[in-house]
Amino acid sequence: MGEDVDALKRRLPLLDYLRQHNWTGHPASRSEFVGLCPLHEETRPSFYVNTRKNVFYCHGCGQGGDLIRFIQLSRHLSFRQSLARLDLQTSPTVDSAAVLEQAAAFYQQQLDHYPEAMRYLNRRGVQDPALIGELEIGYAPGGSLRRHLTAQGHSFDLLRQAGLLNVNGSDAFYQRIVFPLRQGEHVVNLYGRSIGAAFTHRFLPGAKGGLYAWEKVRHYPEVIVIEGLFD
């Protein structure tokens, strides 16, 4: 039971959950964020989130704990009800997992056909074809993802629900370099970095898979953790 709970919390870090529910926090230290408490009304920020320990504490109301405890308090649920809610929210369906895999593969196939995307990667110091292949880097030219995925049998509603299409039905990652974010063997999200004038960063809704490429480096004695995928 304990191992299952820990695995469930790792799927969706507390800070990611709070941000998905419109909480705004500002860095208070290297591993802490502070903002207004979502559990009670206040005018001065007293709600702290420790990203290293994946816990929260409010100096105003005195409440604290992990993600499951926060769901208990904010949704007025029991421990088991909170577990069930979190499991439902963080477990991708078979359809959504499959569509993310196929979208990532489609973007990888496009990369070599768009010189502007390759020039952007070269400017950022990503030039080794083997590294590009290992990281599964792709490119979203826009205009063809919807047609490709619907031809594979995925519905328009599923593509909208997954966040791959915007409200106009167009590719949400238009003109972006795309990195698949994996958790184990499964793609759980996509990260897009704009090569043009569009908003720089974009993720799909939901969990972001924790540390990018962690499985590839976790066995090394020393690891340097950076903020951005291009750093």
Protein backbone atom coordinates (compact mmCIF):
# COMPACT_ATOMS: atom_id res chain seq x y z
CA MET A 1 0.00 0.00 0.00
CA GLY A 2 2.77 2.45 0.98
CA GLU A 3 4.69 1.84 -2.25
CA ASP A 4 1.51 2.32 -4.30
CA VAL A 5 0.80 5.65 -2.58
CA ASP A 6 4.34 6.88 -3.17
CA ALA A 7 4.14 5.92 -6.85
CA LEU A 8 0.82 7.75 -7.15
CA LYS A 9 2.29 10.94 -5.68
CA ARG A 10 5.30 10.75 -7.99
CA ARG A 11 3.01 10.81 -11.03
CA LEU A 12 1.90 14.35 -10.21
CA PRO A 13 4.13 16.60 -8.08
CA LEU A 14 2.27 18.80 -5.58
CA LEU A 15 3.39 22.03 -7.26
CA ASP A 16 2.11 20.82 -10.66
CA TYR A 17 -1.25 19.91 -9.12
CA LEU A 18 -1.59 23.32 -7.48
CA ARG A 19 -0.71 25.15 -10.69
CA GLN A 20 -3.27 23.10 -12.62
CA HIS A 21 -5.80 24.47 -10.12
CA ASN A 22 -4.71 28.08 -10.68
CA TRP A 23 -2.49 28.50 -7.62
CA THR A 24 0.21 31.13 -8.10
CA GLY A 25 3.44 30.75 -6.17
CA HIS A 26 6.68 32.69 -6.20
CA PRO A 27 10.15 31.32 -5.41
CA ALA A 28 11.02 31.75 -1.75
CA SER A 29 14.25 29.74 -1.84
CA ARG A 30 15.97 27.18 -4.05
CA SER A 31 13.35 24.51 -3.30
CA GLU A 32 10.37 26.46 -1.95
CA PHE A 33 7.50 28.48 -3.40
CA VAL A 34 5.15 30.76 -1.47
CA GLY A 35 1.69 32.09 -2.27
CA LEU A 36 -1.77 32.70 -0.87
CA CYS A 37 -3.25 29.69 0.91
CA PRO A 38 -5.93 27.87 -1.12
CA LEU A 39 -7.42 26.46 2.09
CA HIS A 40 -8.48 29.73 3.75
CA GLU A 41 -8.83 33.42 2.93
CA GLU A 42 -5.77 35.57 3.50
CA THR A 43 -4.14 38.70 2.11
CA ARG A 44 -0.49 37.95 2.89
CA PRO A 45 1.12 34.82 1.38
CA SER A 46 1.79 32.18 4.01
CA PHE A 47 1.38 28.94 2.04
CA TYR A 48 4.74 27.27 1.29
CA VAL A 49 5.42 24.37 -1.08
CA ASN A 50 8.67 22.46 -0.72
CA THR A 51 9.41 20.90 -4.12
CA ARG A 52 12.27 18.77 -2.80
CA LYS A 53 10.10 17.07 -0.17
CA ASN A 54 6.88 17.42 -2.19
CA VAL A 55 4.95 18.81 0.79
CA PHE A 56 3.15 22.03 1.80
CA TYR A 57 2.68 24.02 4.99
CA CYS A 58 0.57 27.09 5.70
CA HIS A 59 1.74 29.37 8.50
CA GLY A 60 -1.69 31.00 8.52
CA CYS A 61 -4.01 28.05 9.13
CA GLY A 62 -1.40 25.57 10.34
CA GLN A 63 -2.31 22.89 7.81
CA GLY A 64 0.39 20.88 6.09
CA GLY A 65 1.20 17.58 4.43
CA ASP A 66 1.57 15.98 1.03
CA LEU A 67 -0.56 16.05 -2.11
CA ILE A 68 -3.06 13.51 -0.81
CA ARG A 69 -3.50 15.49 2.42
CA PHE A 70 -4.07 18.65 0.37
CA ILE A 71 -6.79 16.92 -1.68
CA GLN A 72 -8.41 15.70 1.56
CA LEU A 73 -8.52 19.22 2.97
CA SER A 74 -9.47 21.09 -0.20
CA ARG A 75 -12.09 18.60 -1.43
CA HIS A 76 -13.31 17.43 1.99
CA LEU A 77 -12.63 13.80 1.14
CA SER A 78 -11.41 10.80 3.11
CA PHE A 79 -7.92 9.40 2.59
CA ARG A 80 -9.18 6.59 0.35
CA GLN A 81 -11.45 8.92 -1.61
CA SER A 82 -8.49 11.24 -2.20
CA LEU A 83 -6.39 8.32 -3.44
CA ALA A 84 -9.11 7.30 -5.87
CA ARG A 85 -9.50 10.86 -7.17
CA LEU A 86 -5.76 11.26 -7.67
CA ASP A 87 -5.46 7.86 -9.38
CA LEU A 88 -8.25 8.79 -11.80
CA GLN A 89 -6.67 12.16 -12.56
CA THR A 90 -3.14 10.91 -13.18
CA SER A 91 -3.74 7.60 -14.97
CA PRO A 92 -3.84 8.10 -18.73
CA THR A 93 -6.38 6.03 -20.61
CA VAL A 94 -5.17 3.53 -23.16
CA ASP A 95 -6.45 5.83 -25.93
CA SER A 96 -4.74 8.95 -24.63
CA ALA A 97 -1.46 7.10 -24.04
CA ALA A 98 -1.55 5.72 -27.57
CA VAL A 99 -2.34 9.09 -29.15
CA LEU A 100 0.58 10.74 -27.34
CA GLU A 101 2.94 8.03 -28.57
CA GLN A 102 1.74 8.49 -32.15
CA ALA A 103 1.89 12.28 -31.94
CA ALA A 104 5.48 12.12 -30.66
CA ALA A 105 6.45 9.72 -33.45
CA PHE A 106 4.78 11.96 -36.06
CA TYR A 107 6.69 15.02 -34.84
CA GLN A 108 9.98 13.09 -34.98
CA GLN A 109 9.31 12.19 -38.62
CA GLN A 110 8.76 15.86 -39.51
CA LEU A 111 11.99 17.25 -38.07
CA ASP A 112 14.33 16.47 -40.99
CA HIS A 113 11.91 18.02 -43.51
CA TYR A 114 12.00 21.53 -42.01
CA PRO A 115 15.36 23.33 -42.26
CA GLU A 116 14.17 26.13 -39.96
CA ALA A 117 13.74 23.59 -37.16
CA MET A 118 17.20 22.11 -37.70
CA ARG A 119 18.72 25.60 -37.77
CA TYR A 120 17.10 26.36 -34.42
CA LEU A 121 18.52 23.17 -32.89
CA ASN A 122 21.97 24.02 -34.28
CA ARG A 123 21.81 27.48 -32.71
CA ARG A 124 20.97 25.87 -29.37
CA GLY A 125 23.94 23.51 -29.64
CA VAL A 126 21.92 20.38 -30.48
CA GLN A 127 23.67 19.07 -33.60
CA ASP A 128 24.45 15.39 -33.05
CA PRO A 129 21.91 13.23 -34.99
CA ALA A 130 22.40 10.39 -32.51
CA LEU A 131 21.51 12.67 -29.58
CA ILE A 132 18.48 14.06 -31.42
CA GLY A 133 17.31 10.50 -32.03
CA GLU A 134 17.99 9.38 -28.46
CA LEU A 135 15.99 12.30 -27.03
CA GLU A 136 13.25 11.70 -29.63
CA ILE A 137 13.19 15.37 -30.58
CA GLY A 138 10.59 16.33 -33.18
CA TYR A 139 9.01 19.33 -34.83
CA ALA A 140 5.40 20.48 -35.21
CA PRO A 141 5.01 22.26 -38.55
CA GLY A 142 1.26 22.63 -38.08
CA GLY A 143 -1.56 21.76 -40.46
CA SER A 144 -1.14 17.98 -40.67
CA LEU A 145 -1.23 16.44 -37.17
CA ARG A 146 -5.03 16.32 -36.99
CA ARG A 147 -5.33 14.62 -40.39
CA HIS A 148 -2.60 12.11 -39.51
CA LEU A 149 -4.05 11.10 -36.13
CA THR A 150 -7.67 10.92 -37.25
CA ALA A 151 -6.49 8.65 -40.07
CA GLN A 152 -5.08 6.38 -37.34
CA GLY A 153 -8.58 6.10 -35.84
CA HIS A 154 -8.37 8.73 -33.07
CA SER A 155 -11.41 10.96 -32.67
CA PHE A 156 -11.35 14.74 -32.81
CA ASP A 157 -12.74 14.86 -29.25
CA LEU A 158 -9.84 12.72 -27.97
CA LEU A 159 -7.28 15.01 -29.64
CA ARG A 160 -8.93 18.05 -28.06
CA GLN A 161 -9.15 16.34 -24.67
CA ALA A 162 -5.45 15.44 -24.82
CA GLY A 163 -4.60 19.07 -25.61
CA LEU A 164 -3.00 18.29 -28.97
CA LEU A 165 -5.47 20.56 -30.78
CA ASN A 166 -6.43 24.09 -29.74
CA VAL A 167 -9.95 25.54 -29.65
CA ASN A 168 -9.79 26.12 -33.42
CA GLY A 169 -8.88 22.50 -34.09
CA SER A 170 -5.30 23.41 -35.07
CA ASP A 171 -2.04 21.87 -33.84
CA ALA A 172 -1.37 23.22 -30.34
CA PHE A 173 2.40 22.85 -30.86
CA TYR A 174 2.50 24.78 -34.15
CA GLN A 175 6.08 25.82 -35.05
CA ARG A 176 7.59 24.25 -31.96
CA ILE A 177 10.43 21.85 -31.30
CA VAL A 178 8.80 18.96 -29.43
CA PHE A 179 10.23 16.72 -26.70
CA PRO A 180 8.25 13.69 -25.45
CA LEU A 181 8.23 13.42 -21.65
CA ARG A 182 8.24 9.81 -20.56
CA GLN A 183 7.44 8.05 -17.32
CA GLY A 184 8.94 4.60 -17.65
CA GLU A 185 8.07 3.41 -21.17
CA HIS A 186 5.07 5.67 -21.68
CA VAL A 187 4.81 9.22 -23.05
CA VAL A 188 2.85 11.17 -20.41
CA ASN A 189 3.26 14.67 -21.85
CA LEU A 190 4.87 16.69 -24.62
CA TYR A 191 6.97 19.83 -24.27
CA GLY A 192 7.07 22.36 -27.09
CA ARG A 193 9.65 25.14 -27.51
CA SER A 194 8.67 27.82 -30.02
CA ILE A 195 11.12 28.67 -32.81
CA GLY A 196 9.11 31.75 -33.77
CA ALA A 197 7.22 34.58 -32.08
CA ALA A 198 4.66 32.39 -30.30
CA PHE A 199 4.62 31.89 -26.51
CA THR A 200 7.92 30.17 -25.77
CA HIS A 201 6.94 27.15 -23.67
CA ARG A 202 4.01 24.78 -23.93
CA PHE A 203 3.02 21.57 -22.14
CA LEU A 204 -0.09 19.47 -22.48
CA PRO A 205 -2.47 19.38 -19.50
CA GLY A 206 -1.62 16.84 -16.81
CA ALA A 207 1.51 15.39 -15.22
CA LYS A 208 4.86 16.26 -16.74
CA GLY A 209 6.68 13.05 -15.92
CA GLY A 210 9.07 14.36 -13.26
CA LEU A 211 12.71 14.89 -14.19
CA TYR A 212 13.28 14.70 -17.96
CA ALA A 213 15.54 11.80 -19.03
CA TRP A 214 15.98 10.77 -15.38
CA GLU A 215 15.91 7.06 -16.23
CA LYS A 216 18.94 7.55 -18.48
CA VAL A 217 21.13 9.16 -15.80
CA ARG A 218 19.85 7.90 -12.46
CA HIS A 219 22.64 5.32 -12.09
CA TYR A 220 25.47 7.85 -12.41
CA PRO A 221 27.21 8.87 -9.14
CA GLU A 222 26.79 12.59 -9.93
CA VAL A 223 24.03 14.33 -11.90
CA ILE A 224 23.61 18.02 -12.77
CA VAL A 225 19.94 19.05 -12.67
CA ILE A 226 18.97 22.01 -14.88
CA GLU A 227 15.73 23.95 -15.28
CA GLY A 228 15.14 23.93 -19.04
CA LEU A 229 15.45 21.13 -21.59
CA PHE A 230 17.87 23.23 -23.66
CA ASP A 231 20.07 24.27 -20.71
